[in-house]
Amino acid sequence: MNKISLLPLLIVLLGQLSPGQELKLNCPSGMERWPQGDQRTITWTSSGCSGTVRLMLYTANGVKVGNIATGLPVSGGSYDWSVGQYIGGVAPVASYQMHIRLEGTQTADESSTSFLIDIPQSCRITCPRAGATWSAGETHAVMWEQKSSRPMKFLGQTVKISLIYAYSDGEVQVITASTPRDGSYSWTLPSTIPLQYYRVRVTSNGSEPRVLATSEIITIQPKINVSSPAADANWKKNGTYAIHWAIQGPAESNISIWLMDILLKERIYIITSGVAATGTYLWHIPSVPSFATGRFRVQVRTNHPGNTLFGTGSSHAFNIAPE
């Protein structure tokens, strides 16, 4: 009886496992809403990889639709995609997942959740950009541009601008019911908007009202002004000092206060956590020899149990000196 050697097969399988290789799909990561036909950039990072990658489109329940692109240098890190296009067709409006694979290996990644290929839109919002963080009381420009130079008289001469929830079409607030369709509107954020993820939507006011453009996800947070310690204040170990702050936005029940290293730009000490947001906290600076001296900032952060979002505000740089 002839014995079949498994060594060649084992060598092939071990090669496909690609130890030490990492590939991460960064965008889309999930929950994006990309209008069909828009230009969007797919991005990824890699470590220990060489060769080429393949980008693939799958339905939300895991059925492969097709290859978006093949033979892309893994070191390139990005690909400009006409949303919906894949080799051999155009994906209809629906939810999908993006997959990336290092060709010839099992090294792969995919979007953490599904993203939406949305209905085509005649305009694009250029501000706010994806990932923007706006605060209560600030004034920002909402800006949009028409994708085509063709006149669209049915759209009318004015538009409605709304704030909507990030993961639904539910309207949170009408920013303006009517403003000229000139591509820009200045909005001062009210203090009543809760800390949350949102999108901005522009809708025509013409004879055939329709959604012209929807922004990517932004964050709106309360604005926190820390007035003490003052700039270049000199505090000493074993002393007691007042930290003062004011929150512009919805009422906050409690806050945390961190000591931030100026150079490292990271937290080195939790001054207090979960205290009432009264606007003042008396801090007795530890006198132990191991407690740091030097130049710092105080950061006040809102607490929202069960919510990864938080508002922050930082003081000016100040000094902590020995006793």
Protein backbone atom coordinates (compact mmCIF):
# COMPACT_ATOMS: atom_id res chain seq x y z
CA MET A 1 0.00 0.00 0.00
CA ASN A 2 1.44 3.39 -1.04
CA LYS A 3 1.77 6.07 1.61
CA ILE A 4 0.96 9.63 0.58
CA SER A 5 3.40 12.21 1.93
CA LEU A 6 1.69 15.11 3.67
CA LEU A 7 4.88 17.17 3.90
CA PRO A 8 4.34 19.28 0.73
CA LEU A 9 0.76 20.10 1.81
CA LEU A 10 1.94 21.01 5.31
CA ILE A 11 4.57 23.37 3.90
CA VAL A 12 1.93 25.13 1.78
CA LEU A 13 -0.47 25.49 4.71
CA LEU A 14 2.23 26.82 7.00
CA GLY A 15 3.18 29.37 4.37
CA GLN A 16 -0.42 30.59 4.18
CA LEU A 17 -0.64 31.08 7.93
CA SER A 18 1.91 33.91 7.54
CA PRO A 19 3.26 34.17 11.10
CA GLY A 20 4.26 37.70 12.09
CA GLN A 21 2.11 39.33 9.42
CA GLU A 22 -0.64 41.75 10.41
CA LEU A 23 -3.17 43.46 8.16
CA LYS A 24 -5.80 45.91 9.43
CA LEU A 25 -8.64 47.50 7.50
CA ASN A 26 -9.09 51.03 8.87
CA CYS A 27 -11.79 52.47 6.62
CA PRO A 28 -14.57 51.60 6.24
CA SER A 29 -14.66 50.38 9.83
CA GLY A 30 -18.44 50.06 9.94
CA MET A 31 -21.54 52.28 10.29
CA GLU A 32 -20.45 54.61 7.45
CA ARG A 33 -23.10 55.75 4.96
CA TRP A 34 -21.48 56.23 1.58
CA PRO A 35 -23.66 57.41 -1.32
CA GLN A 36 -23.45 55.17 -4.38
CA GLY A 37 -21.07 56.62 -6.98
CA ASP A 38 -19.23 58.90 -4.54
CA GLN A 39 -15.44 58.73 -4.30
CA ARG A 40 -14.31 57.33 -0.95
CA THR A 41 -10.88 56.14 0.17
CA ILE A 42 -10.45 52.62 1.54
CA THR A 43 -7.45 52.55 3.90
CA TRP A 44 -5.45 49.85 5.65
CA THR A 45 -2.23 49.37 7.61
CA SER A 46 0.12 46.40 7.65
CA SER A 47 3.06 45.02 9.57
CA GLY A 48 5.51 42.40 8.34
CA CYS A 49 3.65 42.11 5.03
CA SER A 50 4.90 42.21 1.46
CA GLY A 51 3.22 41.60 -1.86
CA THR A 52 -0.29 42.60 -2.89
CA VAL A 53 -3.77 42.75 -1.38
CA ARG A 54 -7.27 42.08 -2.64
CA LEU A 55 -10.31 44.18 -1.64
CA MET A 56 -13.62 42.33 -1.58
CA LEU A 57 -17.23 43.37 -1.05
CA TYR A 58 -19.57 41.13 0.94
CA THR A 59 -23.21 41.45 1.88
CA ALA A 60 -23.97 42.15 5.53
CA ASN A 61 -24.75 38.46 6.06
CA GLY A 62 -21.44 37.27 4.60
CA VAL A 63 -22.14 36.48 0.94
CA LYS A 64 -19.39 37.59 -1.43
CA VAL A 65 -20.53 40.16 -3.99
CA GLY A 66 -17.25 40.49 -5.87
CA ASN A 67 -13.72 41.82 -5.92
CA ILE A 68 -13.35 45.58 -5.74
CA ALA A 69 -9.68 45.48 -6.73
CA THR A 70 -6.84 42.96 -6.88
CA GLY A 71 -3.07 43.20 -7.06
CA LEU A 72 -2.81 46.38 -4.96
CA PRO A 73 0.60 46.90 -3.30
CA VAL A 74 0.12 46.21 0.41
CA SER A 75 2.51 49.07 1.18
CA GLY A 76 0.20 51.54 -0.61
CA GLY A 77 -2.24 51.62 2.28
CA SER A 78 -5.17 53.12 0.37
CA TYR A 79 -7.45 52.75 -2.63
CA ASP A 80 -9.82 55.38 -4.08
CA TRP A 81 -13.15 53.66 -4.61
CA SER A 82 -16.16 54.71 -6.63
CA VAL A 83 -18.69 53.49 -4.08
CA GLY A 84 -20.54 50.40 -5.21
CA GLN A 85 -18.21 49.50 -8.08
CA TYR A 86 -16.76 46.00 -8.14
CA ILE A 87 -15.18 43.99 -10.94
CA GLY A 88 -18.14 43.04 -13.08
CA GLY A 89 -20.88 45.25 -11.68
CA VAL A 90 -22.30 47.86 -9.31
CA ALA A 91 -23.65 46.95 -5.89
CA PRO A 92 -27.20 48.19 -5.17
CA VAL A 93 -28.16 50.28 -2.17
CA ALA A 94 -27.84 48.02 0.88
CA SER A 95 -25.58 47.18 3.84
CA TYR A 96 -22.21 45.54 3.16
CA GLN A 97 -18.92 44.51 4.70
CA MET A 98 -15.47 45.21 3.31
CA HIS A 99 -12.80 42.49 3.37
CA ILE A 100 -9.08 42.75 2.65
CA ARG A 101 -6.69 39.83 2.14
CA LEU A 102 -2.96 39.58 1.56
CA GLU A 103 -2.96 37.61 -1.67
CA GLY A 104 -1.56 34.09 -1.42
CA THR A 105 -1.95 33.99 2.38
CA GLN A 106 -4.58 33.68 5.08
CA THR A 107 -3.72 37.13 6.47
CA ALA A 108 -6.94 39.15 6.27
CA ASP A 109 -9.23 41.61 7.99
CA GLU A 110 -12.73 43.03 7.55
CA SER A 111 -14.84 45.99 8.66
CA SER A 112 -15.94 45.48 12.25
CA THR A 113 -19.60 46.07 11.38
CA SER A 114 -21.52 46.64 8.17
CA PHE A 115 -21.57 49.98 6.32
CA LEU A 116 -24.28 51.32 4.05
CA ILE A 117 -24.08 52.02 0.34
CA ASP A 118 -26.68 54.79 0.31
CA ILE A 119 -28.80 56.33 -2.44
CA PRO A 120 -26.83 58.60 -4.79
CA GLN A 121 -26.79 62.25 -3.70
CA SER A 122 -26.45 65.31 -5.91
CA CYS A 123 -24.26 67.21 -3.41
CA ARG A 124 -21.49 66.43 -0.95
CA ILE A 125 -20.91 67.96 2.47
CA THR A 126 -17.36 69.25 2.80
CA CYS A 127 -17.75 70.52 6.38
CA PRO A 128 -18.09 68.97 8.88
CA ARG A 129 -15.58 66.31 7.90
CA ALA A 130 -15.69 62.75 9.21
CA GLY A 131 -14.63 62.51 12.84
CA ALA A 132 -15.05 66.22 13.59
CA THR A 133 -15.78 67.19 17.21
CA TRP A 134 -17.92 70.26 17.80
CA SER A 135 -18.78 71.75 21.18
CA ALA A 136 -21.81 73.56 22.56
CA GLY A 137 -21.60 77.32 22.09
CA GLU A 138 -19.13 77.14 19.21
CA THR A 139 -19.91 78.52 15.75
CA HIS A 140 -19.13 76.32 12.76
CA ALA A 141 -19.76 76.50 9.02
CA VAL A 142 -21.85 73.79 7.40
CA MET A 143 -20.56 73.63 3.81
CA TRP A 144 -21.67 71.64 0.79
CA GLU A 145 -21.00 71.57 -2.94
CA GLN A 146 -22.85 70.32 -5.97
CA LYS A 147 -21.30 67.28 -7.67
CA SER A 148 -22.47 68.22 -11.16
CA SER A 149 -22.39 71.53 -13.01
CA ARG A 150 -25.76 70.74 -14.58
CA PRO A 151 -28.55 73.11 -13.42
CA MET A 152 -31.13 71.47 -11.16
CA LYS A 153 -34.02 73.94 -11.05
CA PHE A 154 -36.34 71.45 -9.34
CA LEU A 155 -34.16 71.71 -6.23
CA GLY A 156 -35.31 75.27 -5.58
CA GLN A 157 -33.24 78.19 -4.35
CA THR A 158 -33.16 77.27 -0.64
CA VAL A 159 -32.27 74.25 1.47
CA LYS A 160 -33.13 72.91 4.90
CA ILE A 161 -30.25 71.83 7.17
CA SER A 162 -30.89 69.33 9.95
CA LEU A 163 -28.97 67.53 12.67
CA ILE A 164 -29.81 63.82 12.63
CA TYR A 165 -28.78 60.82 14.70
CA ALA A 166 -25.65 59.09 13.41
CA TYR A 167 -27.16 55.63 13.06
CA SER A 168 -30.67 56.48 11.92
CA ASP A 169 -32.48 59.14 9.94
CA GLY A 170 -34.21 60.53 13.02
CA GLU A 171 -34.12 64.31 13.07
CA VAL A 172 -32.72 65.79 16.29
CA GLN A 173 -32.95 69.47 15.44
CA VAL A 174 -33.64 71.74 12.49
CA ILE A 175 -30.51 73.85 12.16
CA THR A 176 -32.27 76.09 9.66
CA ALA A 177 -35.56 75.57 7.85
CA SER A 178 -34.51 77.69 4.90
CA THR A 179 -31.20 79.17 3.77
CA PRO A 180 -29.97 80.09 0.26
CA ARG A 181 -28.55 77.16 -1.69
CA ASP A 182 -25.15 78.87 -1.84
CA GLY A 183 -23.08 76.13 -0.21
CA SER A 184 -22.50 77.55 3.27
CA TYR A 185 -24.37 78.23 6.51
CA SER A 186 -22.94 79.43 9.83
CA TRP A 187 -24.37 77.61 12.85
CA THR A 188 -23.90 78.41 16.54
CA LEU A 189 -24.48 75.20 18.46
CA PRO A 190 -26.99 75.51 21.30
CA SER A 191 -26.13 74.29 24.79
CA THR A 192 -29.04 71.83 24.88
CA ILE A 193 -27.70 69.20 22.48
CA PRO A 194 -26.74 66.01 24.37
CA LEU A 195 -23.28 64.49 24.02
CA GLN A 196 -23.68 62.05 21.14
CA TYR A 197 -22.75 61.00 17.60
CA TYR A 198 -24.59 62.85 14.83
CA ARG A 199 -24.71 63.65 11.11
CA VAL A 200 -25.67 66.83 9.27
CA ARG A 201 -28.23 66.56 6.45
CA VAL A 202 -29.01 69.05 3.68
CA THR A 203 -32.45 68.78 2.01
CA SER A 204 -33.81 70.75 -0.92
CA ASN A 205 -36.85 73.03 -0.51
CA GLY A 206 -37.83 72.86 -4.17
CA SER A 207 -40.82 71.39 -5.96
CA GLU A 208 -39.34 67.93 -5.49
CA PRO A 209 -37.83 67.97 -1.97
CA ARG A 210 -35.04 65.44 -1.59
CA VAL A 211 -31.96 64.75 0.50
CA LEU A 212 -29.04 66.43 -1.26
CA ALA A 213 -26.23 65.34 1.06
CA THR A 214 -25.53 63.73 4.42
CA SER A 215 -22.29 64.22 6.31
CA GLU A 216 -20.10 61.56 7.86
CA ILE A 217 -20.36 60.97 11.62
CA ILE A 218 -19.38 63.82 13.95
CA THR A 219 -19.36 64.19 17.73
CA ILE A 220 -21.04 67.01 19.61
CA GLN A 221 -19.85 67.46 23.18
CA PRO A 222 -20.21 70.01 25.98
CA LYS A 223 -17.63 72.78 26.15
CA ILE A 224 -15.61 72.79 29.37
CA ASN A 225 -13.58 75.85 30.36
CA VAL A 226 -11.02 75.27 33.12
CA SER A 227 -10.11 78.63 34.70
CA SER A 228 -7.93 77.38 37.57
CA PRO A 229 -5.07 76.61 37.70
CA ALA A 230 -4.25 79.79 35.78
CA ALA A 231 -1.52 79.99 33.17
CA ASP A 232 1.94 79.54 34.73
CA ALA A 233 0.50 79.24 38.24
CA ASN A 234 2.99 77.92 40.78
CA TRP A 235 1.50 75.25 43.03
CA LYS A 236 3.47 73.24 45.60
CA LYS A 237 3.34 69.73 46.92
CA ASN A 238 1.47 69.40 50.26
CA GLY A 239 -0.57 72.50 49.39
CA THR A 240 -4.34 72.74 48.85
CA TYR A 241 -5.62 74.53 45.73
CA ALA A 242 -8.98 75.15 44.06
CA ILE A 243 -9.64 73.77 40.59
CA HIS A 244 -12.40 75.78 38.85
CA TRP A 245 -14.33 74.92 35.69
CA ALA A 246 -17.55 75.81 33.86
CA ILE A 247 -19.53 73.50 31.56
CA GLN A 248 -21.45 74.92 28.61
CA GLY A 249 -23.92 72.26 27.54
CA PRO A 250 -26.51 69.93 29.08
CA ALA A 251 -26.26 69.58 32.86
CA GLU A 252 -23.65 67.04 33.98
CA SER A 253 -24.10 64.99 37.16
CA ASN A 254 -20.44 64.28 37.86
CA ILE A 255 -16.94 64.65 36.50
CA SER A 256 -13.42 63.29 36.79
CA ILE A 257 -10.25 65.38 37.04
CA TRP A 258 -6.93 64.21 35.64
CA LEU A 259 -3.39 65.55 35.86
CA MET A 260 -1.83 65.56 32.40
CA ASP A 261 1.88 65.58 31.60
CA ILE A 262 2.73 68.45 29.24
CA LEU A 263 5.48 66.64 27.33
CA LEU A 264 4.00 63.13 27.27
CA LYS A 265 0.46 64.44 26.64
CA GLU A 266 -0.97 61.65 28.76
CA ARG A 267 -2.58 61.18 32.14
CA ILE A 268 -0.15 60.60 35.01
CA TYR A 269 -2.52 60.93 37.95
CA ILE A 270 -6.27 60.80 38.68
CA ILE A 271 -6.96 63.74 40.99
CA THR A 272 -10.56 62.64 41.59
CA SER A 273 -13.26 60.59 39.90
CA GLY A 274 -17.03 60.72 40.02
CA VAL A 275 -17.39 63.94 42.01
CA ALA A 276 -20.31 66.34 41.68
CA ALA A 277 -20.00 68.76 38.78
CA THR A 278 -20.26 71.84 41.02
CA GLY A 279 -17.54 73.80 39.22
CA THR A 280 -15.02 73.71 42.07
CA TYR A 281 -12.83 71.03 43.61
CA LEU A 282 -10.24 71.50 46.37
CA TRP A 283 -7.15 69.42 45.66
CA HIS A 284 -4.54 68.65 48.27
CA ILE A 285 -1.39 67.87 46.31
CA PRO A 286 0.34 64.77 47.74
CA SER A 287 3.60 65.36 49.55
CA VAL A 288 5.09 61.90 48.97
CA PRO A 289 8.56 62.06 47.37
CA SER A 290 7.47 59.92 44.44
CA PHE A 291 4.78 62.41 43.36
CA ALA A 292 5.92 64.21 40.23
CA THR A 293 6.98 67.82 40.02
CA GLY A 294 7.25 69.88 36.85
CA ARG A 295 4.85 71.33 34.29
CA PHE A 296 1.30 70.01 33.86
CA ARG A 297 -2.28 70.66 32.82
CA VAL A 298 -5.50 69.79 34.64
CA GLN A 299 -8.13 68.06 32.51
CA VAL A 300 -11.81 67.94 33.51
CA ARG A 301 -13.82 65.12 31.93
CA THR A 302 -17.55 64.40 32.01
CA ASN A 303 -18.68 60.94 33.12
CA HIS A 304 -21.34 59.03 31.21
CA PRO A 305 -21.82 55.46 32.52
CA GLY A 306 -22.30 53.01 29.65
CA ASN A 307 -21.21 55.62 27.10
CA THR A 308 -17.67 55.74 25.74
CA LEU A 309 -18.12 59.40 24.82
CA PHE A 310 -17.03 62.17 27.14
CA GLY A 311 -16.46 65.91 27.09
CA THR A 312 -13.09 67.33 28.09
CA GLY A 313 -11.57 70.67 28.95
CA SER A 314 -7.98 71.48 29.90
CA SER A 315 -6.37 74.21 31.93
CA HIS A 316 -3.40 76.31 30.90
CA ALA A 317 0.02 74.89 31.69
CA PHE A 318 1.06 75.35 35.32
CA ASN A 319 3.86 74.24 37.65
CA ILE A 320 4.02 71.88 40.62
CA ALA A 321 7.11 72.50 42.75
CA PRO A 322 8.54 70.75 45.81
CA GLU A 323 7.41 71.91 49.25
